[in-house]
């Protein structure tokens, strides 16, 4: 445990950020998983699910929970799978 006042404050801030990022990343994972399962169904539901997942990824980047290149990679993978669906 930290002994210095500034280190104690930094630990508090890090914990708050961790909790905030955790909820955002959880939402991203859920929507991405939903999109991947929807890709096995009809094209209309898949398109809607992928659009929602991309939206969640963009929000995570805006909030600083994900790096923009990570989100771009995940969005690209979803788009490729959606395009392959036809």
PDB file of N, CA and C in Angstrom:
ATOM      1  N   UNK A   1       0.847  -1.186   0.000  1.00  0.00           N
ATOM      2  CA  UNK A   1       0.000   0.000   0.000  1.00  0.00           C
ATOM      3  C   UNK A   1       0.887   1.241   0.000  1.00  0.00           C
ATOM      4  N   UNK A   2       0.400   2.267  -0.647  1.00  0.00           N
ATOM      5  CA  UNK A   2       1.163   3.509  -0.763  1.00  0.00           C
ATOM      6  C   UNK A   2       1.218   4.243   0.574  1.00  0.00           C
ATOM      7  N   UNK A   3       2.363   4.893   0.840  1.00  0.00           N
ATOM      8  CA  UNK A   3       2.534   5.666   2.069  1.00  0.00           C
ATOM      9  C   UNK A   3       2.494   7.166   1.813  1.00  0.00           C
ATOM     10  N   UNK A   4       2.910   7.565   0.620  1.00  0.00           N
ATOM     11  CA  UNK A   4       2.995   8.988   0.300  1.00  0.00           C
ATOM     12  C   UNK A   4       1.612   9.496  -0.115  1.00  0.00           C
ATOM     13  N   UNK A   5       1.315  10.714   0.311  1.00  0.00           N
ATOM     14  CA  UNK A   5      -0.009  11.284   0.090  1.00  0.00           C
ATOM     15  C   UNK A   5      -0.406  11.293  -1.388  1.00  0.00           C
ATOM     16  N   UNK A   6       0.517  11.702  -2.241  1.00  0.00           N
ATOM     17  CA  UNK A   6       0.204  11.756  -3.675  1.00  0.00           C
ATOM     18  C   UNK A   6       0.002  10.353  -4.250  1.00  0.00           C
ATOM     19  N   UNK A   7       0.743   9.372  -3.729  1.00  0.00           N
ATOM     20  CA  UNK A   7       0.603   8.000  -4.197  1.00  0.00           C
ATOM     21  C   UNK A   7      -0.731   7.406  -3.750  1.00  0.00           C
ATOM     22  N   UNK A   8      -1.172   7.783  -2.561  1.00  0.00           N
ATOM     23  CA  UNK A   8      -2.479   7.333  -2.060  1.00  0.00           C
ATOM     24  C   UNK A   8      -3.583   7.893  -2.942  1.00  0.00           C
ATOM     25  N   UNK A   9      -3.476   9.175  -3.277  1.00  0.00           N
ATOM     26  CA  UNK A   9      -4.464   9.810  -4.149  1.00  0.00           C
ATOM     27  C   UNK A   9      -4.462   9.150  -5.531  1.00  0.00           C
ATOM     28  N   UNK A  10      -3.271   8.879  -6.057  1.00  0.00           N
ATOM     29  CA  UNK A  10      -3.154   8.240  -7.366  1.00  0.00           C
ATOM     30  C   UNK A  10      -3.795   6.857  -7.357  1.00  0.00           C
ATOM     31  N   UNK A  11      -3.635   6.136  -6.263  1.00  0.00           N
ATOM     32  CA  UNK A  11      -4.241   4.808  -6.143  1.00  0.00           C
ATOM     33  C   UNK A  11      -5.765   4.911  -6.149  1.00  0.00           C
ATOM     34  N   UNK A  12      -6.297   5.924  -5.452  1.00  0.00           N
ATOM     35  CA  UNK A  12      -7.756   6.161  -5.449  1.00  0.00           C
ATOM     36  C   UNK A  12      -8.255   6.462  -6.851  1.00  0.00           C
ATOM     37  N   UNK A  13      -7.547   7.350  -7.547  1.00  0.00           N
ATOM     38  CA  UNK A  13      -7.948   7.735  -8.902  1.00  0.00           C
ATOM     39  C   UNK A  13      -7.881   6.540  -9.856  1.00  0.00           C
ATOM     40  N   UNK A  14      -6.833   5.750  -9.722  1.00  0.00           N
ATOM     41  CA  UNK A  14      -6.673   4.578 -10.584  1.00  0.00           C
ATOM     42  C   UNK A  14      -7.807   3.592 -10.377  1.00  0.00           C
ATOM     43  N   UNK A  15      -8.202   3.407  -9.141  1.00  0.00           N
ATOM     44  CA  UNK A  15      -9.295   2.479  -8.838  1.00  0.00           C
ATOM     45  C   UNK A  15     -10.607   2.976  -9.430  1.00  0.00           C
ATOM     46  N   UNK A  16     -10.871   4.286  -9.316  1.00  0.00           N
ATOM     47  CA  UNK A  16     -12.090   4.851  -9.910  1.00  0.00           C
ATOM     48  C   UNK A  16     -12.091   4.668 -11.428  1.00  0.00           C
ATOM     49  N   UNK A  17     -10.948   4.939 -12.045  1.00  0.00           N
ATOM     50  CA  UNK A  17     -10.838   4.773 -13.505  1.00  0.00           C
ATOM     51  C   UNK A  17     -11.023   3.309 -13.897  1.00  0.00           C
ATOM     52  N   UNK A  18     -10.432   2.415 -13.112  1.00  0.00           N
ATOM     53  CA  UNK A  18     -10.536   0.985 -13.404  1.00  0.00           C
ATOM     54  C   UNK A  18     -11.988   0.532 -13.379  1.00  0.00           C
ATOM     55  N   UNK A  19     -12.725   0.971 -12.364  1.00  0.00           N
ATOM     56  CA  UNK A  19     -14.137   0.598 -12.253  1.00  0.00           C
ATOM     57  C   UNK A  19     -14.945   1.153 -13.418  1.00  0.00           C
ATOM     58  N   UNK A  20     -14.673   2.399 -13.799  1.00  0.00           N
ATOM     59  CA  UNK A  20     -15.394   3.041 -14.900  1.00  0.00           C
ATOM     60  C   UNK A  20     -15.096   2.327 -16.210  1.00  0.00           C
ATOM     61  N   UNK A  21     -13.811   2.047 -16.454  1.00  0.00           N
ATOM     62  CA  UNK A  21     -13.418   1.375 -17.692  1.00  0.00           C
ATOM     63  C   UNK A  21     -13.954  -0.050 -17.750  1.00  0.00           C
ATOM     64  N   UNK A  22     -14.054  -0.664 -16.589  1.00  0.00           N
ATOM     65  CA  UNK A  22     -14.534  -2.045 -16.519  1.00  0.00           C
ATOM     66  C   UNK A  22     -15.963  -2.150 -17.037  1.00  0.00           C
ATOM     67  N   UNK A  23     -16.829  -1.217 -16.651  1.00  0.00           N
ATOM     68  CA  UNK A  23     -18.213  -1.261 -17.117  1.00  0.00           C
ATOM     69  C   UNK A  23     -18.291  -0.991 -18.615  1.00  0.00           C
ATOM     70  N   UNK A  24     -17.479  -0.066 -19.091  1.00  0.00           N
ATOM     71  CA  UNK A  24     -17.491   0.259 -20.520  1.00  0.00           C
ATOM     72  C   UNK A  24     -17.008  -0.940 -21.329  1.00  0.00           C
ATOM     73  N   UNK A  25     -15.900  -1.547 -20.908  1.00  0.00           N
ATOM     74  CA  UNK A  25     -15.365  -2.700 -21.636  1.00  0.00           C
ATOM     75  C   UNK A  25     -16.325  -3.887 -21.590  1.00  0.00           C
ATOM     76  N   UNK A  26     -17.032  -4.042 -20.483  1.00  0.00           N
ATOM     77  CA  UNK A  26     -18.008  -5.114 -20.369  1.00  0.00           C
ATOM     78  C   UNK A  26     -19.138  -4.922 -21.372  1.00  0.00           C
ATOM     79  N   UNK A  27     -19.602  -3.691 -21.508  1.00  0.00           N
ATOM     80  CA  UNK A  27     -20.655  -3.383 -22.475  1.00  0.00           C
ATOM     81  C   UNK A  27     -20.176  -3.665 -23.893  1.00  0.00           C
ATOM     82  N   UNK A  28     -18.931  -3.292 -24.172  1.00  0.00           N
ATOM     83  CA  UNK A  28     -18.357  -3.537 -25.505  1.00  0.00           C
ATOM     84  C   UNK A  28     -18.297  -5.036 -25.783  1.00  0.00           C
ATOM     85  N   UNK A  29     -17.811  -5.797 -24.819  1.00  0.00           N
ATOM     86  CA  UNK A  29     -17.710  -7.247 -25.008  1.00  0.00           C
ATOM     87  C   UNK A  29     -19.081  -7.875 -25.237  1.00  0.00           C
ATOM     88  N   UNK A  30     -20.078  -7.428 -24.468  1.00  0.00           N
ATOM     89  CA  UNK A  30     -21.427  -7.975 -24.613  1.00  0.00           C
ATOM     90  C   UNK A  30     -22.000  -7.676 -25.992  1.00  0.00           C
ATOM     91  N   UNK A  31     -21.879  -6.432 -26.435  1.00  0.00           N
ATOM     92  CA  UNK A  31     -22.453  -6.068 -27.731  1.00  0.00           C
ATOM     93  C   UNK A  31     -21.704  -6.747 -28.873  1.00  0.00           C
ATOM     94  N   UNK A  32     -20.388  -6.922 -28.728  1.00  0.00           N
ATOM     95  CA  UNK A  32     -19.607  -7.601 -29.756  1.00  0.00           C
ATOM     96  C   UNK A  32     -20.000  -9.073 -29.842  1.00  0.00           C
ATOM     97  N   UNK A  33     -20.185  -9.693 -28.695  1.00  0.00           N
ATOM     98  CA  UNK A  33     -20.585 -11.096 -28.673  1.00  0.00           C
ATOM     99  C   UNK A  33     -21.976 -11.254 -29.286  1.00  0.00           C
ATOM    100  N   UNK A  34     -22.872 -10.335 -28.965  1.00  0.00           N
ATOM    101  CA  UNK A  34     -24.225 -10.355 -29.526  1.00  0.00           C
ATOM    102  C   UNK A  34     -24.168 -10.219 -31.048  1.00  0.00           C
ATOM    103  N   UNK A  35     -23.293  -9.339 -31.532  1.00  0.00           N
ATOM    104  CA  UNK A  35     -23.143  -9.138 -32.974  1.00  0.00           C
ATOM    105  C   UNK A  35     -22.605 -10.395 -33.643  1.00  0.00           C
ATOM    106  N   UNK A  36     -21.623 -11.043 -33.020  1.00  0.00           N
ATOM    107  CA  UNK A  36     -21.053 -12.263 -33.610  1.00  0.00           C
ATOM    108  C   UNK A  36     -22.087 -13.382 -33.686  1.00  0.00           C
ATOM    109  N   UNK A  37     -22.928 -13.503 -32.668  1.00  0.00           N
ATOM    110  CA  UNK A  37     -23.969 -14.532 -32.706  1.00  0.00           C
ATOM    111  C   UNK A  37     -25.039 -14.164 -33.726  1.00  0.00           C
ATOM    112  N   UNK A  38     -25.327 -12.869 -33.875  1.00  0.00           N
ATOM    113  CA  UNK A  38     -26.332 -12.430 -34.844  1.00  0.00           C
ATOM    114  C   UNK A  38     -25.866 -12.655 -36.276  1.00  0.00           C
ATOM    115  N   UNK A  39     -24.559 -12.729 -36.489  1.00  0.00           N
ATOM    116  CA  UNK A  39     -24.044 -12.970 -37.838  1.00  0.00           C
ATOM    117  C   UNK A  39     -24.437 -14.352 -38.353  1.00  0.00           C
ATOM    118  N   UNK A  40     -24.826 -15.223 -37.469  1.00  0.00           N
ATOM    119  CA  UNK A  40     -25.300 -16.546 -37.874  1.00  0.00           C
ATOM    120  C   UNK A  40     -26.772 -16.560 -38.232  1.00  0.00           C
ATOM    121  N   UNK A  41     -27.449 -15.460 -37.974  1.00  0.00           N
ATOM    122  CA  UNK A  41     -28.893 -15.374 -38.232  1.00  0.00           C
ATOM    123  C   UNK A  41     -29.149 -14.592 -39.523  1.00  0.00           C
ATOM    124  N   UNK A  42     -30.288 -13.922 -39.582  1.00  0.00           N
ATOM    125  CA  UNK A  42     -30.638 -13.177 -40.801  1.00  0.00           C
ATOM    126  C   UNK A  42     -29.757 -11.947 -40.967  1.00  0.00           C
ATOM    127  N   UNK A  43     -29.677 -11.476 -42.198  1.00  0.00           N
ATOM    128  CA  UNK A  43     -28.812 -10.336 -42.514  1.00  0.00           C
ATOM    129  C   UNK A  43     -29.279  -9.058 -41.823  1.00  0.00           C
ATOM    130  N   UNK A  44     -30.577  -8.880 -41.712  1.00  0.00           N
ATOM    131  CA  UNK A  44     -31.115  -7.648 -41.110  1.00  0.00           C
ATOM    132  C   UNK A  44     -30.752  -7.554 -39.634  1.00  0.00           C
ATOM    133  N   UNK A  45     -30.929  -8.647 -38.900  1.00  0.00           N
ATOM    134  CA  UNK A  45     -30.589  -8.616 -37.474  1.00  0.00           C
ATOM    135  C   UNK A  45     -29.084  -8.498 -37.284  1.00  0.00           C
ATOM    136  N   UNK A  46     -28.334  -9.143 -38.172  1.00  0.00           N
ATOM    137  CA  UNK A  46     -26.873  -9.061 -38.085  1.00  0.00           C
ATOM    138  C   UNK A  46     -26.408  -7.637 -38.320  1.00  0.00           C
ATOM    139  N   UNK A  47     -26.992  -6.989 -39.321  1.00  0.00           N
ATOM    140  CA  UNK A  47     -26.597  -5.607 -39.643  1.00  0.00           C
ATOM    141  C   UNK A  47     -26.877  -4.681 -38.457  1.00  0.00           C
ATOM    142  N   UNK A  48     -28.043  -4.836 -37.839  1.00  0.00           N
ATOM    143  CA  UNK A  48     -28.393  -3.997 -36.698  1.00  0.00           C
ATOM    144  C   UNK A  48     -27.472  -4.257 -35.508  1.00  0.00           C
ATOM    145  N   UNK A  49     -27.171  -5.518 -35.253  1.00  0.00           N
ATOM    146  CA  UNK A  49     -26.314  -5.873 -34.124  1.00  0.00           C
ATOM    147  C   UNK A  49     -24.889  -5.373 -34.335  1.00  0.00           C
ATOM    148  N   UNK A  50     -24.388  -5.484 -35.562  1.00  0.00           N
ATOM    149  CA  UNK A  50     -23.033  -5.011 -35.861  1.00  0.00           C
ATOM    150  C   UNK A  50     -22.978  -3.490 -35.736  1.00  0.00           C
ATOM    151  N   UNK A  51     -24.010  -2.810 -36.204  1.00  0.00           N
ATOM    152  CA  UNK A  51     -24.048  -1.354 -36.085  1.00  0.00           C
ATOM    153  C   UNK A  51     -24.012  -0.928 -34.618  1.00  0.00           C
ATOM    154  N   UNK A  52     -24.760  -1.625 -33.776  1.00  0.00           N
ATOM    155  CA  UNK A  52     -24.783  -1.316 -32.340  1.00  0.00           C
ATOM    156  C   UNK A  52     -23.421  -1.593 -31.696  1.00  0.00           C
ATOM    157  N   UNK A  53     -22.788  -2.690 -32.086  1.00  0.00           N
ATOM    158  CA  UNK A  53     -21.472  -3.026 -31.543  1.00  0.00           C
ATOM    159  C   UNK A  53     -20.445  -1.970 -31.938  1.00  0.00           C
ATOM    160  N   UNK A  54     -20.505  -1.510 -33.178  1.00  0.00           N
ATOM    161  CA  UNK A  54     -19.581  -0.464 -33.635  1.00  0.00           C
ATOM    162  C   UNK A  54     -19.813   0.831 -32.873  1.00  0.00           C
ATOM    163  N   UNK A  55     -21.056   1.113 -32.600  1.00  0.00           N
ATOM    164  CA  UNK A  55     -21.398   2.309 -31.826  1.00  0.00           C
ATOM    165  C   UNK A  55     -20.802   2.225 -30.413  1.00  0.00           C
ATOM    166  N   UNK A  56     -20.927   1.065 -29.795  1.00  0.00           N
ATOM    167  CA  UNK A  56     -20.365   0.871 -28.455  1.00  0.00           C
ATOM    168  C   UNK A  56     -18.842   0.978 -28.476  1.00  0.00           C
ATOM    169  N   UNK A  57     -18.214   0.453 -29.515  1.00  0.00           N
ATOM    170  CA  UNK A  57     -16.758   0.558 -29.638  1.00  0.00           C
ATOM    171  C   UNK A  57     -16.330   2.021 -29.758  1.00  0.00           C
ATOM    172  N   UNK A  58     -17.060   2.782 -30.563  1.00  0.00           N
ATOM    173  CA  UNK A  58     -16.736   4.207 -30.711  1.00  0.00           C
ATOM    174  C   UNK A  58     -16.909   4.959 -29.396  1.00  0.00           C
ATOM    175  N   UNK A  59     -17.950   4.613 -28.643  1.00  0.00           N
ATOM    176  CA  UNK A  59     -18.170   5.263 -27.348  1.00  0.00           C
ATOM    177  C   UNK A  59     -17.048   4.926 -26.371  1.00  0.00           C
ATOM    178  N   UNK A  60     -16.567   3.686 -26.413  1.00  0.00           N
ATOM    179  CA  UNK A  60     -15.476   3.275 -25.526  1.00  0.00           C
ATOM    180  C   UNK A  60     -14.204   4.046 -25.837  1.00  0.00           C
ATOM    181  N   UNK A  61     -13.963   4.305 -27.123  1.00  0.00           N
ATOM    182  CA  UNK A  61     -12.784   5.088 -27.517  1.00  0.00           C
ATOM    183  C   UNK A  61     -12.932   6.514 -27.010  1.00  0.00           C
ATOM    184  N   UNK A  62     -14.112   7.082 -27.166  1.00  0.00           N
ATOM    185  CA  UNK A  62     -14.364   8.450 -26.716  1.00  0.00           C
ATOM    186  C   UNK A  62     -14.140   8.592 -25.220  1.00  0.00           C
ATOM    187  N   UNK A  63     -14.537   7.574 -24.480  1.00  0.00           N
ATOM    188  CA  UNK A  63     -14.384   7.614 -23.025  1.00  0.00           C
ATOM    189  C   UNK A  63     -12.979   7.246 -22.565  1.00  0.00           C
ATOM    190  N   UNK A  64     -12.147   6.790 -23.493  1.00  0.00           N
ATOM    191  CA  UNK A  64     -10.767   6.472 -23.146  1.00  0.00           C
ATOM    192  C   UNK A  64     -10.579   5.074 -22.596  1.00  0.00           C
ATOM    193  N   UNK A  65     -11.577   4.229 -22.710  1.00  0.00           N
ATOM    194  CA  UNK A  65     -11.473   2.876 -22.171  1.00  0.00           C
ATOM    195  C   UNK A  65     -10.769   1.939 -23.146  1.00  0.00           C
ATOM    196  N   UNK A  66     -10.810   2.267 -24.436  1.00  0.00           N
ATOM    197  CA  UNK A  66     -10.157   1.458 -25.461  1.00  0.00           C
ATOM    198  C   UNK A  66      -9.291   2.352 -26.334  1.00  0.00           C
ATOM    199  N   UNK A  67      -8.207   1.792 -26.841  1.00  0.00           N
ATOM    200  CA  UNK A  67      -7.372   2.516 -27.790  1.00  0.00           C
ATOM    201  C   UNK A  67      -8.086   2.541 -29.134  1.00  0.00           C
ATOM    202  N   UNK A  68      -7.918   3.618 -29.873  1.00  0.00           N
ATOM    203  CA  UNK A  68      -8.653   3.764 -31.135  1.00  0.00           C
ATOM    204  C   UNK A  68      -8.286   2.693 -32.145  1.00  0.00           C
ATOM    205  N   UNK A  69      -7.032   2.246 -32.151  1.00  0.00           N
ATOM    206  CA  UNK A  69      -6.641   1.199 -33.097  1.00  0.00           C
ATOM    207  C   UNK A  69      -7.257  -0.149 -32.728  1.00  0.00           C
ATOM    208  N   UNK A  70      -7.415  -0.397 -31.440  1.00  0.00           N
ATOM    209  CA  UNK A  70      -8.063  -1.627 -30.983  1.00  0.00           C
ATOM    210  C   UNK A  70      -9.503  -1.643 -31.450  1.00  0.00           C
ATOM    211  N   UNK A  71     -10.187  -0.526 -31.274  1.00  0.00           N
ATOM    212  CA  UNK A  71     -11.579  -0.431 -31.701  1.00  0.00           C
ATOM    213  C   UNK A  71     -11.681  -0.555 -33.219  1.00  0.00           C
ATOM    214  N   UNK A  72     -10.759   0.063 -33.942  1.00  0.00           N
ATOM    215  CA  UNK A  72     -10.775  -0.012 -35.402  1.00  0.00           C
ATOM    216  C   UNK A  72     -10.585  -1.452 -35.864  1.00  0.00           C
ATOM    217  N   UNK A  73      -9.691  -2.176 -35.201  1.00  0.00           N
ATOM    218  CA  UNK A  73      -9.442  -3.580 -35.548  1.00  0.00           C
ATOM    219  C   UNK A  73     -10.694  -4.425 -35.317  1.00  0.00           C
ATOM    220  N   UNK A  74     -11.354  -4.207 -34.189  1.00  0.00           N
ATOM    221  CA  UNK A  74     -12.563  -4.970 -33.879  1.00  0.00           C
ATOM    222  C   UNK A  74     -13.702  -4.622 -34.833  1.00  0.00           C
ATOM    223  N   UNK A  75     -13.840  -3.336 -35.162  1.00  0.00           N
ATOM    224  CA  UNK A  75     -14.870  -2.905 -36.108  1.00  0.00           C
ATOM    225  C   UNK A  75     -14.616  -3.492 -37.488  1.00  0.00           C
ATOM    226  N   UNK A  76     -13.360  -3.525 -37.883  1.00  0.00           N
ATOM    227  CA  UNK A  76     -12.997  -4.064 -39.184  1.00  0.00           C
ATOM    228  C   UNK A  76     -13.336  -5.554 -39.263  1.00  0.00           C
ATOM    229  N   UNK A  77     -13.058  -6.276 -38.204  1.00  0.00           N
ATOM    230  CA  UNK A  77     -13.349  -7.710 -38.176  1.00  0.00           C
ATOM    231  C   UNK A  77     -14.856  -7.953 -38.283  1.00  0.00           C
ATOM    232  N   UNK A  78     -15.641  -7.156 -37.564  1.00  0.00           N
ATOM    233  CA  UNK A  78     -17.098  -7.291 -37.641  1.00  0.00           C
ATOM    234  C   UNK A  78     -17.597  -6.958 -39.048  1.00  0.00           C
ATOM    235  N   UNK A  79     -17.042  -5.907 -39.640  1.00  0.00           N
ATOM    236  CA  UNK A  79     -17.460  -5.491 -40.979  1.00  0.00           C
ATOM    237  C   UNK A  79     -17.123  -6.570 -42.010  1.00  0.00           C
ATOM    238  N   UNK A  80     -15.953  -7.191 -41.871  1.00  0.00           N
ATOM    239  CA  UNK A  80     -15.568  -8.261 -42.789  1.00  0.00           C
ATOM    240  C   UNK A  80     -16.540  -9.447 -42.711  1.00  0.00           C
ATOM    241  N   UNK A  81     -16.884  -9.795 -41.482  1.00  0.00           N
ATOM    242  CA  UNK A  81     -17.817 -10.931 -41.299  1.00  0.00           C
ATOM    243  C   UNK A  81     -19.200 -10.592 -41.843  1.00  0.00           C
ATOM    244  N   UNK A  82     -19.609  -9.340 -41.668  1.00  0.00           N
ATOM    245  CA  UNK A  82     -20.916  -8.906 -42.177  1.00  0.00           C
ATOM    246  C   UNK A  82     -20.914  -8.910 -43.704  1.00  0.00           C
ATOM    247  N   UNK A  83     -19.815  -8.463 -44.315  1.00  0.00           N
ATOM    248  CA  UNK A  83     -19.709  -8.434 -45.771  1.00  0.00           C
ATOM    249  C   UNK A  83     -19.686  -9.857 -46.335  1.00  0.00           C
ATOM    250  N   UNK A  84     -19.052 -10.765 -45.624  1.00  0.00           N
ATOM    251  CA  UNK A  84     -18.991 -12.154 -46.071  1.00  0.00           C
ATOM    252  C   UNK A  84     -20.376 -12.792 -46.031  1.00  0.00           C
ATOM    253  N   UNK A  85     -21.213 -12.299 -45.138  1.00  0.00           N
ATOM    254  CA  UNK A  85     -22.572 -12.816 -45.012  1.00  0.00           C
ATOM    255  C   UNK A  85     -23.378 -12.503 -46.271  1.00  0.00           C
ATOM    256  N   UNK A  86     -23.047 -11.360 -46.876  1.00  0.00           N
ATOM    257  CA  UNK A  86     -23.703 -10.992 -48.142  1.00  0.00           C
ATOM    258  C   UNK A  86     -24.799 -10.099 -47.904  1.00  0.00           C
TER     259      UNK A  86
END
